Amino acid sequence: KAFVKQCGLSPDGFFQMAIQVAYYRLHGKFVATYESGSTRHFVEGRTETIRPCSTASCAFVRRMCDDPMWREATGDIRDLLQQAVSVHSATLKRVFVGQGYDRHLLGLKLAAHELHLTDVPLFSSKAMAVNDHIVLSTSSVPCDQGYLGFGPVTEDGY
């Protein structure tokens, strides 16, 4: 953790990028990823979803996994990692101040259900199905013995 910080990177962001690399190396694709973010600063605030899989993380992962010459391009890799971690940190900060989107979508979905609106194109779209199928659940809870991780939330998940 100290070394990652010395490199000017967020340990959480670095860890999230490592998870993205590992999954991509195993499966050759990117998937919806969940990390919980606290909204405790708001009345009855609970959690919001942080989405570690971003355009920047995908660029970093592709360079690490698909380019056989990546070892010779350490400066490029470092820049891509820094960009991916920066995007992740910015996303995390937006979530903490209530600018995430998952809980807003959930609120709309629940409101539509209460109003008996059964055919809402947004909620039956392929994009929403992909968004809602969380394959990687990456949250962890610190405790005295180390960390307790969240389990998978889908049958094909981790």
Protein backbone atom coordinates (compact mmCIF):
# COMPACT_ATOMS: atom_id res chain seq x y z
CA LYS A 1 0.00 0.00 0.00
CA ALA A 2 2.80 2.42 0.90
CA PHE A 3 4.62 1.73 -2.37
CA VAL A 4 1.46 2.38 -4.40
CA LYS A 5 0.98 5.68 -2.56
CA GLN A 6 4.65 6.60 -3.17
CA CYS A 7 3.93 6.13 -6.87
CA GLY A 8 1.16 8.72 -6.57
CA LEU A 9 -1.65 6.22 -7.03
CA SER A 10 -4.72 5.49 -4.97
CA PRO A 11 -4.37 2.00 -3.44
CA ASP A 12 -8.06 1.35 -4.09
CA GLY A 13 -7.76 2.45 -7.72
CA PHE A 14 -4.62 0.34 -8.20
CA PHE A 15 -6.38 -2.69 -6.71
CA GLN A 16 -9.41 -2.13 -8.96
CA MET A 17 -7.17 -2.02 -12.04
CA ALA A 18 -5.47 -5.26 -10.93
CA ILE A 19 -8.90 -6.90 -10.73
CA GLN A 20 -9.76 -5.65 -14.22
CA VAL A 21 -6.48 -7.07 -15.61
CA ALA A 22 -7.02 -10.42 -13.87
CA TYR A 23 -10.59 -10.81 -15.15
CA TYR A 24 -9.63 -9.80 -18.68
CA ARG A 25 -6.73 -12.27 -18.71
CA LEU A 26 -9.06 -15.06 -17.59
CA HIS A 27 -12.05 -14.26 -19.81
CA GLY A 28 -10.87 -11.88 -22.55
CA LYS A 29 -13.66 -9.37 -21.98
CA PHE A 30 -14.84 -6.53 -19.78
CA VAL A 31 -17.86 -6.81 -17.50
CA ALA A 32 -19.96 -4.68 -15.19
CA THR A 33 -18.08 -4.23 -11.92
CA TYR A 34 -19.45 -3.12 -8.57
CA GLU A 35 -17.63 -1.36 -5.77
CA SER A 36 -19.70 0.16 -2.98
CA GLY A 37 -19.34 3.85 -2.29
CA SER A 38 -20.68 5.51 0.82
CA THR A 39 -23.27 8.28 0.70
CA ARG A 40 -23.31 8.60 4.50
CA HIS A 41 -23.01 12.39 4.26
CA PHE A 42 -26.66 12.50 3.21
CA VAL A 43 -29.67 11.95 5.45
CA GLU A 44 -30.23 8.20 5.55
CA GLY A 45 -27.36 7.87 3.07
CA ARG A 46 -26.32 4.33 2.36
CA THR A 47 -24.33 3.23 -0.68
CA GLU A 48 -24.00 3.98 -4.34
CA THR A 49 -22.28 1.97 -7.02
CA ILE A 50 -18.78 2.88 -8.12
CA ARG A 51 -18.09 1.48 -11.58
CA PRO A 52 -14.36 0.64 -11.85
CA CYS A 53 -14.62 -0.58 -15.46
CA SER A 54 -14.22 2.61 -17.51
CA THR A 55 -12.92 3.60 -20.93
CA ALA A 56 -9.61 4.50 -19.24
CA SER A 57 -9.36 1.19 -17.38
CA CYS A 58 -10.14 -0.71 -20.59
CA ALA A 59 -7.35 1.14 -22.45
CA PHE A 60 -4.89 0.24 -19.68
CA VAL A 61 -6.01 -3.40 -19.55
CA ARG A 62 -5.89 -3.84 -23.34
CA ARG A 63 -2.35 -2.45 -23.43
CA MET A 64 -1.28 -4.80 -20.62
CA CYS A 65 -2.98 -7.89 -22.00
CA ASP A 66 -3.22 -7.59 -25.78
CA ASP A 67 0.10 -5.95 -26.67
CA PRO A 68 2.99 -8.44 -26.65
CA MET A 69 5.44 -5.50 -26.48
CA TRP A 70 3.95 -3.96 -23.31
CA ARG A 71 7.09 -4.67 -21.25
CA GLU A 72 9.09 -2.37 -23.52
CA ALA A 73 6.51 0.40 -23.15
CA THR A 74 6.69 0.96 -19.39
CA GLY A 75 6.23 4.74 -19.69
CA ASP A 76 3.10 4.24 -21.77
CA ILE A 77 1.78 1.62 -19.35
CA ARG A 78 2.48 3.89 -16.39
CA ASP A 79 0.61 6.76 -18.07
CA LEU A 80 -2.37 4.52 -18.89
CA LEU A 81 -2.44 3.18 -15.33
CA GLN A 82 -2.25 6.70 -13.90
CA GLN A 83 -5.11 7.80 -16.16
CA ALA A 84 -7.24 4.77 -15.24
CA VAL A 85 -6.66 5.28 -11.51
CA SER A 86 -7.37 9.03 -11.85
CA VAL A 87 -10.68 8.32 -13.59
CA HIS A 88 -11.54 5.80 -10.88
CA SER A 89 -10.71 8.29 -8.12
CA ALA A 90 -12.81 10.99 -9.82
CA THR A 91 -15.73 8.56 -10.12
CA LEU A 92 -15.38 7.68 -6.45
CA LYS A 93 -15.47 11.37 -5.48
CA ARG A 94 -18.57 11.98 -7.63
CA VAL A 95 -20.32 9.04 -5.96
CA PHE A 96 -19.49 10.37 -2.48
CA VAL A 97 -21.25 13.67 -3.28
CA GLY A 98 -24.37 12.01 -4.70
CA GLN A 99 -23.52 12.09 -8.38
CA GLY A 100 -23.63 8.35 -9.02
CA TYR A 101 -26.32 7.03 -11.33
CA ASP A 102 -27.23 3.53 -10.15
CA ARG A 103 -29.44 4.52 -7.21
CA HIS A 104 -31.16 7.16 -9.35
CA LEU A 105 -31.98 4.48 -11.91
CA LEU A 106 -33.20 2.19 -9.14
CA GLY A 107 -35.46 4.96 -7.85
CA LEU A 108 -36.93 5.47 -11.32
CA LYS A 109 -37.44 1.72 -11.73
CA LEU A 110 -39.20 1.43 -8.36
CA ALA A 111 -41.37 4.47 -9.14
CA ALA A 112 -42.36 2.93 -12.48
CA HIS A 113 -43.25 -0.30 -10.68
CA GLU A 114 -45.39 1.56 -8.11
CA LEU A 115 -47.19 3.34 -10.96
CA HIS A 116 -47.74 -0.01 -12.70
CA LEU A 117 -45.75 1.12 -15.74
CA THR A 118 -44.78 -2.21 -17.27
CA ASP A 119 -43.29 -1.19 -20.60
CA VAL A 120 -40.54 1.33 -19.90
CA PRO A 121 -38.02 0.97 -22.77
CA LEU A 122 -35.07 2.06 -20.64
CA PHE A 123 -35.56 -0.76 -18.15
CA SER A 124 -36.00 -3.44 -20.79
CA SER A 125 -33.05 -2.31 -22.93
CA LYS A 126 -29.95 -4.38 -23.62
CA ALA A 127 -27.85 -1.58 -22.09
CA MET A 128 -29.75 -1.84 -18.81
CA ALA A 129 -29.43 -5.63 -18.80
CA VAL A 130 -25.64 -5.33 -19.21
CA ASN A 131 -25.47 -2.57 -16.58
CA ASP A 132 -27.47 -4.60 -14.06
CA HIS A 133 -25.58 -7.89 -14.57
CA ILE A 134 -22.78 -7.30 -12.06
CA VAL A 135 -20.14 -9.95 -12.68
CA LEU A 136 -17.40 -8.52 -10.45
CA SER A 137 -18.35 -7.49 -6.93
CA THR A 138 -15.16 -5.93 -5.59
CA SER A 139 -16.16 -4.30 -2.33
CA SER A 140 -14.52 -5.21 0.95
CA VAL A 141 -15.12 -4.35 4.57
CA PRO A 142 -12.08 -3.75 6.80
CA CYS A 143 -12.06 -5.56 10.11
CA ASP A 144 -9.55 -6.43 12.84
CA GLN A 145 -8.60 -9.68 11.11
CA GLY A 146 -7.99 -8.08 7.69
CA TYR A 147 -10.77 -7.70 5.14
CA LEU A 148 -14.12 -9.35 4.66
CA GLY A 149 -15.13 -9.43 1.01
CA PHE A 150 -18.56 -9.34 -0.57
CA GLY A 151 -19.50 -12.47 -2.47
CA PRO A 152 -20.64 -12.75 -6.07
CA VAL A 153 -24.08 -11.36 -6.91
CA THR A 154 -24.62 -13.38 -10.10
CA GLU A 155 -24.16 -17.07 -10.89
CA ASP A 156 -21.25 -16.28 -13.23
CA GLY A 157 -19.78 -13.71 -10.89
CA TYR A 158 -16.84 -13.25 -8.60
